[in-house]
Protein backbone atom coordinates (compact mmCIF):
# COMPACT_ATOMS: atom_id res chain seq x y z
CA MET A 1 -40.74 93.59 105.07
CA LEU A 2 -37.26 92.23 106.15
CA ALA A 3 -36.30 90.21 109.04
CA TYR A 4 -32.65 88.87 110.13
CA GLU A 5 -31.90 87.00 113.13
CA PRO A 6 -29.35 84.30 113.93
CA CYS A 7 -30.49 80.90 113.69
CA PRO A 8 -29.92 78.96 116.77
CA ALA A 9 -30.78 75.48 115.33
CA SER A 10 -28.02 73.34 114.25
CA ARG A 11 -29.84 70.66 112.33
CA LEU A 12 -32.68 72.06 109.48
CA ARG A 13 -34.51 69.48 107.37
CA MET A 14 -35.19 71.12 104.16
CA LEU A 15 -36.19 70.27 100.41
CA ALA A 16 -33.53 70.79 97.96
CA LEU A 17 -35.08 72.12 94.99
CA ASN A 18 -31.85 72.70 92.96
CA ASP A 19 -28.90 70.59 92.59
CA PRO A 20 -26.52 71.71 95.27
CA TYR A 21 -23.22 70.51 93.41
CA CYS A 22 -24.78 72.74 90.07
CA ARG A 23 -23.90 69.80 87.83
CA THR A 24 -25.30 70.29 84.04
CA GLY A 25 -26.49 67.03 81.94
CA PHE A 26 -27.99 65.49 84.88
CA ALA A 27 -31.52 64.71 85.67
CA TYR A 28 -32.42 66.31 88.92
CA GLU A 29 -35.41 65.23 91.30
CA PRO A 30 -36.21 67.49 94.58
CA TYR A 31 -35.44 65.90 97.59
CA GLU A 32 -35.27 66.23 101.64
CA THR A 33 -31.92 67.04 103.28
CA THR A 34 -30.91 67.54 106.57
CA LEU A 35 -28.33 70.85 106.77
CA ILE A 36 -26.48 70.30 109.80
CA ALA A 37 -24.07 73.69 110.40
CA THR A 38 -23.20 76.49 113.43
CA GLY A 39 -23.35 80.18 112.78
CA LEU A 40 -26.07 80.19 110.24
CA SER A 41 -28.33 83.10 110.10
CA LEU A 42 -32.07 83.18 109.42
CA ILE A 43 -33.29 86.08 106.71
CA THR A 44 -37.02 86.17 105.62
CA ILE A 45 -38.41 88.21 103.03
CA VAL A 46 -42.49 89.24 102.84
CA THR A 47 -43.34 90.61 99.70
CA PRO A 48 -47.08 91.88 98.70
CA ASP A 49 -47.23 89.11 95.56
CA HIS A 50 -44.95 86.18 95.25
CA ASP A 51 -45.10 86.62 91.17
CA SER A 52 -45.17 90.38 90.72
CA ASP A 53 -42.29 91.85 89.31
CA PHE A 54 -40.96 93.86 92.47
CA SER A 55 -41.44 90.65 94.42
CA VAL A 56 -39.34 88.60 91.87
CA HIS A 57 -36.83 91.38 92.08
CA ALA A 58 -36.94 91.97 95.83
CA ILE A 59 -36.06 88.17 96.38
CA ASP A 60 -33.64 88.04 93.36
CA ALA A 61 -31.36 91.42 94.58
CA LEU A 62 -31.55 89.79 98.31
CA ALA A 63 -30.45 86.90 97.27
CA THR A 64 -27.51 87.77 95.06
CA SER A 65 -26.66 90.34 97.82
CA LEU A 66 -26.24 87.42 100.43
CA GLU A 67 -24.34 85.15 97.53
CA THR A 68 -21.66 88.03 96.60
CA ALA A 69 -21.09 88.50 100.85
CA ALA A 70 -20.84 85.00 101.42
CA THR A 71 -17.21 84.58 98.97
């Protein structure tokens, strides 16, 4: 399942699992952060099994498409 909707919230608490600055060679530990923005969209993808080849490919393809569209 794939769901899309505009995000009315402008302040979201999140866990930064990866370095948002993409620095290499530095030790990184995930940390909680607050994202404040406007004009965001929420996209939810539900797959049958998080670790299956299908699920990994579907999530990766969606993320790549969204990243490409944003640039």
